[in-house]
Each structure stands twice: as structure tokens, then as C-alpha cells.
Amino acid sequence: TTLECPYNPTLHYTVIMSRNYDTEYAIRNHQSFGRALREFRSRQGITQEELAQRTNLHRSYLSALEGGSTTEAMRRIVVVARALDLEIVLRPRQRAS
């Protein structure tokens, strides 16, 4: 999927999952971050309301994040990572054996 950057219409992003397709997401922008959050939350069987209670964040804020809305902090993190040619990956933490 190709998406246009809302801050710079001349930039386009390709949203893909990383190599380990079932457990990792490569985060290239706020939309892919939102998709990853929704996917991991859903896989754990947690509602937005439950996650809101666990994190002390408002459910509507979590909904907006999952829907691809961005925050200034997220925008800056993505810009810095791209400038350094870095990839942000979300994956479940490895449990100690």
C-alpha cells in the first residue's frame, strides 16, 4: 500500500510488514503504527476500552492512533528515523525461558 505523507504531499510511503510477517510490523509512518497497534491488541483479545484502562489513556485517543492519526511526537520520531535510514519494528517482547 502506498500512502501520501500528510505533511509533505511529495513524499509517499510504502506500508509493509517486516520479514517475520506474523509477528512483526515495520513502522514507516503513523498509519502503519496504528495498524500494528490494532493488530497486536486484537491478537491479544483486548478491547480499546480495556487497553485504555491499562494505559490510563482515553479510548478515543487509542482509537485515533489505531485509525492512523498522528501526534507531533510520532511524526518527529518517524522523521528522525527516516533521516538516519532506520527502521522501527514492533514485535512482541520475547519472554524469558
N, C-alpha and C. Protein backbone atom coordinates (compact mmCIF):
# COMPACT_ATOMS: atom_id res chain seq x y z
N THR A 1 0.85 -1.17 0.00
CA THR A 1 0.00 0.00 0.00
C THR A 1 0.89 1.23 0.00
N THR A 2 0.61 2.19 -0.87
CA THR A 2 1.36 3.43 -0.91
C THR A 2 0.49 4.54 -0.33
N LEU A 3 1.05 5.31 0.59
CA LEU A 3 0.33 6.39 1.24
C LEU A 3 1.06 7.70 1.04
N GLU A 4 0.32 8.79 0.95
CA GLU A 4 0.90 10.12 0.84
C GLU A 4 1.16 10.67 2.24
N CYS A 5 2.31 11.29 2.41
CA CYS A 5 2.64 11.92 3.69
C CYS A 5 1.75 13.15 3.87
N PRO A 6 1.03 13.27 4.99
CA PRO A 6 0.15 14.42 5.18
C PRO A 6 0.90 15.73 5.37
N TYR A 7 2.18 15.66 5.71
CA TYR A 7 2.97 16.87 5.95
C TYR A 7 3.74 17.32 4.73
N ASN A 8 3.96 16.40 3.81
CA ASN A 8 4.69 16.72 2.59
C ASN A 8 4.11 15.87 1.47
N PRO A 9 3.18 16.41 0.69
CA PRO A 9 2.49 15.63 -0.35
C PRO A 9 3.43 15.07 -1.42
N THR A 10 4.66 15.53 -1.47
CA THR A 10 5.59 14.99 -2.46
C THR A 10 6.22 13.68 -1.98
N LEU A 11 6.08 13.38 -0.69
CA LEU A 11 6.61 12.13 -0.15
C LEU A 11 5.52 11.08 -0.12
N HIS A 12 5.88 9.87 -0.49
CA HIS A 12 4.96 8.74 -0.41
C HIS A 12 5.66 7.62 0.33
N TYR A 13 4.89 6.88 1.11
CA TYR A 13 5.44 5.79 1.90
C TYR A 13 4.85 4.47 1.43
N THR A 14 5.64 3.44 1.49
CA THR A 14 5.14 2.10 1.25
C THR A 14 4.98 1.44 2.61
N VAL A 15 3.78 0.96 2.88
CA VAL A 15 3.50 0.32 4.17
C VAL A 15 3.58 -1.19 3.96
N ILE A 16 4.54 -1.81 4.63
CA ILE A 16 4.70 -3.25 4.53
C ILE A 16 4.98 -3.81 5.92
N MET A 17 4.76 -5.08 6.05
CA MET A 17 5.16 -5.76 7.28
C MET A 17 6.60 -6.19 7.10
N SER A 18 7.32 -6.39 8.18
CA SER A 18 8.69 -6.82 8.09
C SER A 18 8.76 -8.30 7.72
N ARG A 19 9.96 -8.84 7.66
CA ARG A 19 10.17 -10.21 7.19
C ARG A 19 9.38 -11.26 7.97
N ASN A 20 9.24 -11.10 9.24
CA ASN A 20 8.52 -12.07 10.06
C ASN A 20 7.06 -11.67 10.08
N TYR A 21 6.35 -11.97 9.00
CA TYR A 21 5.04 -11.40 8.73
C TYR A 21 3.99 -11.61 9.80
N ASP A 22 4.08 -12.67 10.56
CA ASP A 22 3.01 -12.92 11.52
C ASP A 22 3.26 -12.30 12.89
N THR A 23 4.47 -11.79 13.15
CA THR A 23 4.73 -11.26 14.49
C THR A 23 5.40 -9.90 14.51
N GLU A 24 5.78 -9.34 13.37
CA GLU A 24 6.47 -8.05 13.36
C GLU A 24 5.85 -7.11 12.34
N TYR A 25 5.89 -5.82 12.68
CA TYR A 25 5.46 -4.79 11.74
C TYR A 25 6.58 -3.76 11.62
N ALA A 26 6.96 -3.44 10.39
CA ALA A 26 7.89 -2.34 10.15
C ALA A 26 7.06 -1.06 10.18
N ILE A 27 7.48 -0.10 10.99
CA ILE A 27 6.75 1.15 11.14
C ILE A 27 7.44 2.21 10.30
N ARG A 28 6.74 2.65 9.27
CA ARG A 28 7.32 3.64 8.38
C ARG A 28 6.61 4.99 8.50
N ASN A 29 5.47 5.01 9.16
CA ASN A 29 4.70 6.24 9.34
C ASN A 29 3.62 5.98 10.39
N HIS A 30 2.83 7.02 10.68
CA HIS A 30 1.81 6.87 11.74
C HIS A 30 0.70 5.91 11.35
N GLN A 31 0.40 5.77 10.06
CA GLN A 31 -0.63 4.82 9.65
C GLN A 31 -0.21 3.38 9.94
N SER A 32 1.05 3.05 9.63
CA SER A 32 1.50 1.69 9.89
C SER A 32 1.61 1.43 11.39
N PHE A 33 1.93 2.46 12.16
CA PHE A 33 1.94 2.32 13.62
C PHE A 33 0.53 1.99 14.12
N GLY A 34 -0.45 2.70 13.61
CA GLY A 34 -1.83 2.45 14.02
C GLY A 34 -2.31 1.06 13.66
N ARG A 35 -1.97 0.60 12.45
CA ARG A 35 -2.35 -0.75 12.03
C ARG A 35 -1.70 -1.80 12.94
N ALA A 36 -0.44 -1.59 13.28
CA ALA A 36 0.26 -2.53 14.14
C ALA A 36 -0.38 -2.58 15.53
N LEU A 37 -0.68 -1.41 16.09
CA LEU A 37 -1.34 -1.38 17.40
C LEU A 37 -2.64 -2.16 17.38
N ARG A 38 -3.46 -1.89 16.37
CA ARG A 38 -4.76 -2.58 16.27
C ARG A 38 -4.56 -4.08 16.15
N GLU A 39 -3.62 -4.50 15.31
CA GLU A 39 -3.39 -5.93 15.10
C GLU A 39 -2.93 -6.61 16.39
N PHE A 40 -1.96 -6.03 17.08
CA PHE A 40 -1.46 -6.66 18.31
C PHE A 40 -2.52 -6.65 19.41
N ARG A 41 -3.28 -5.56 19.51
CA ARG A 41 -4.35 -5.50 20.51
C ARG A 41 -5.39 -6.57 20.22
N SER A 42 -5.78 -6.68 18.96
CA SER A 42 -6.79 -7.67 18.57
C SER A 42 -6.30 -9.09 18.80
N ARG A 43 -5.06 -9.36 18.48
CA ARG A 43 -4.49 -10.70 18.69
C ARG A 43 -4.53 -11.11 20.16
N GLN A 44 -4.43 -10.13 21.04
CA GLN A 44 -4.46 -10.42 22.47
C GLN A 44 -5.88 -10.44 23.02
N GLY A 45 -6.84 -10.16 22.16
CA GLY A 45 -8.24 -10.18 22.59
C GLY A 45 -8.60 -9.06 23.55
N ILE A 46 -7.92 -7.93 23.40
CA ILE A 46 -8.14 -6.79 24.28
C ILE A 46 -8.96 -5.73 23.54
N THR A 47 -9.97 -5.21 24.18
CA THR A 47 -10.75 -4.13 23.57
C THR A 47 -10.00 -2.81 23.76
N GLN A 48 -10.42 -1.81 23.01
CA GLN A 48 -9.83 -0.48 23.19
C GLN A 48 -10.11 0.02 24.60
N GLU A 49 -11.27 -0.26 25.11
CA GLU A 49 -11.63 0.17 26.47
C GLU A 49 -10.70 -0.47 27.50
N GLU A 50 -10.44 -1.77 27.35
CA GLU A 50 -9.53 -2.45 28.28
C GLU A 50 -8.12 -1.87 28.18
N LEU A 51 -7.65 -1.60 26.96
CA LEU A 51 -6.32 -1.02 26.79
C LEU A 51 -6.27 0.39 27.37
N ALA A 52 -7.34 1.13 27.22
CA ALA A 52 -7.41 2.48 27.79
C ALA A 52 -7.26 2.42 29.31
N GLN A 53 -7.94 1.47 29.94
CA GLN A 53 -7.84 1.32 31.39
C GLN A 53 -6.43 0.91 31.81
N ARG A 54 -5.80 0.02 31.05
CA ARG A 54 -4.44 -0.45 31.38
C ARG A 54 -3.40 0.67 31.24
N THR A 55 -3.62 1.56 30.28
CA THR A 55 -2.63 2.58 29.96
C THR A 55 -2.96 3.95 30.53
N ASN A 56 -4.15 4.10 31.09
CA ASN A 56 -4.61 5.38 31.59
C ASN A 56 -4.68 6.43 30.47
N LEU A 57 -5.02 5.96 29.27
CA LEU A 57 -5.25 6.84 28.12
C LEU A 57 -6.72 6.76 27.77
N HIS A 58 -7.24 7.79 27.13
CA HIS A 58 -8.64 7.79 26.74
C HIS A 58 -8.86 6.86 25.56
N ARG A 59 -9.97 6.14 25.56
CA ARG A 59 -10.27 5.20 24.48
C ARG A 59 -10.31 5.89 23.13
N SER A 60 -10.82 7.10 23.06
CA SER A 60 -10.90 7.80 21.78
C SER A 60 -9.50 8.15 21.24
N TYR A 61 -8.55 8.39 22.15
CA TYR A 61 -7.16 8.64 21.73
C TYR A 61 -6.58 7.38 21.11
N LEU A 62 -6.78 6.23 21.75
CA LEU A 62 -6.30 4.97 21.21
C LEU A 62 -6.96 4.67 19.87
N SER A 63 -8.24 4.95 19.76
CA SER A 63 -8.95 4.76 18.50
C SER A 63 -8.35 5.62 17.40
N ALA A 64 -8.04 6.86 17.72
CA ALA A 64 -7.43 7.75 16.74
C ALA A 64 -6.06 7.24 16.31
N LEU A 65 -5.25 6.77 17.26
CA LEU A 65 -3.94 6.21 16.91
C LEU A 65 -4.10 5.02 15.99
N GLU A 66 -4.99 4.11 16.34
CA GLU A 66 -5.21 2.93 15.51
C GLU A 66 -5.73 3.30 14.12
N GLY A 67 -6.45 4.40 14.05
CA GLY A 67 -7.00 4.85 12.78
C GLY A 67 -6.00 5.61 11.91
N GLY A 68 -4.79 5.78 12.41
CA GLY A 68 -3.77 6.42 11.60
C GLY A 68 -3.51 7.88 11.93
N SER A 69 -4.19 8.40 12.94
CA SER A 69 -3.91 9.78 13.35
C SER A 69 -2.50 9.84 13.92
N THR A 70 -1.92 11.00 13.85
CA THR A 70 -0.56 11.12 14.35
C THR A 70 -0.50 12.13 15.49
N THR A 71 0.59 12.06 16.20
CA THR A 71 0.89 13.05 17.21
C THR A 71 2.18 13.72 16.78
N GLU A 72 2.48 14.85 17.34
CA GLU A 72 3.71 15.54 16.99
C GLU A 72 4.91 14.66 17.35
N ALA A 73 4.85 13.98 18.46
CA ALA A 73 5.95 13.10 18.87
C ALA A 73 6.16 11.98 17.85
N MET A 74 5.08 11.35 17.42
CA MET A 74 5.19 10.26 16.44
C MET A 74 5.75 10.78 15.13
N ARG A 75 5.29 11.92 14.70
CA ARG A 75 5.77 12.50 13.45
C ARG A 75 7.27 12.74 13.53
N ARG A 76 7.72 13.29 14.64
CA ARG A 76 9.15 13.57 14.81
C ARG A 76 9.99 12.30 14.87
N ILE A 77 9.50 11.28 15.54
CA ILE A 77 10.22 10.01 15.62
C ILE A 77 10.40 9.43 14.22
N VAL A 78 9.35 9.43 13.43
CA VAL A 78 9.43 8.88 12.07
C VAL A 78 10.38 9.71 11.21
N VAL A 79 10.33 11.03 11.32
CA VAL A 79 11.21 11.89 10.53
C VAL A 79 12.68 11.62 10.88
N VAL A 80 12.99 11.52 12.16
CA VAL A 80 14.37 11.28 12.58
C VAL A 80 14.83 9.89 12.12
N ALA A 81 13.99 8.89 12.29
CA ALA A 81 14.35 7.54 11.86
C ALA A 81 14.62 7.50 10.36
N ARG A 82 13.77 8.14 9.57
CA ARG A 82 13.97 8.17 8.12
C ARG A 82 15.26 8.91 7.76
N ALA A 83 15.55 10.00 8.44
CA ALA A 83 16.76 10.77 8.15
C ALA A 83 18.02 9.96 8.42
N LEU A 84 17.94 9.04 9.38
CA LEU A 84 19.07 8.19 9.72
C LEU A 84 19.00 6.83 9.02
N ASP A 85 18.04 6.68 8.10
CA ASP A 85 17.84 5.44 7.36
C ASP A 85 17.64 4.25 8.31
N LEU A 86 16.81 4.48 9.33
CA LEU A 86 16.49 3.45 10.31
C LEU A 86 15.09 2.92 10.09
N GLU A 87 14.86 1.73 10.57
CA GLU A 87 13.54 1.11 10.51
C GLU A 87 13.07 0.84 11.93
N ILE A 88 11.87 1.23 12.23
CA ILE A 88 11.27 0.96 13.54
C ILE A 88 10.42 -0.31 13.38
N VAL A 89 10.62 -1.26 14.26
CA VAL A 89 9.88 -2.52 14.18
C VAL A 89 9.16 -2.76 15.49
N LEU A 90 7.87 -3.09 15.39
CA LEU A 90 7.10 -3.50 16.57
C LEU A 90 6.94 -5.00 16.52
N ARG A 91 7.26 -5.65 17.63
CA ARG A 91 7.08 -7.09 17.74
C ARG A 91 6.85 -7.41 19.20
N PRO A 92 6.22 -8.54 19.48
CA PRO A 92 6.03 -8.90 20.87
C PRO A 92 7.38 -9.10 21.56
N ARG A 93 7.42 -8.74 22.84
CA ARG A 93 8.63 -8.97 23.62
C ARG A 93 8.88 -10.45 23.77
N GLN A 94 10.13 -10.81 23.78
CA GLN A 94 10.49 -12.21 23.99
C GLN A 94 10.41 -12.50 25.47
N ARG A 95 9.75 -13.56 25.79
CA ARG A 95 9.60 -13.97 27.20
C ARG A 95 10.84 -14.75 27.63
N ALA A 96 11.27 -14.53 28.85
CA ALA A 96 12.41 -15.28 29.39
C ALA A 96 12.00 -16.73 29.58
N SER A 97 12.87 -17.65 29.19
CA SER A 97 12.56 -19.07 29.32
C SER A 97 12.94 -19.61 30.67
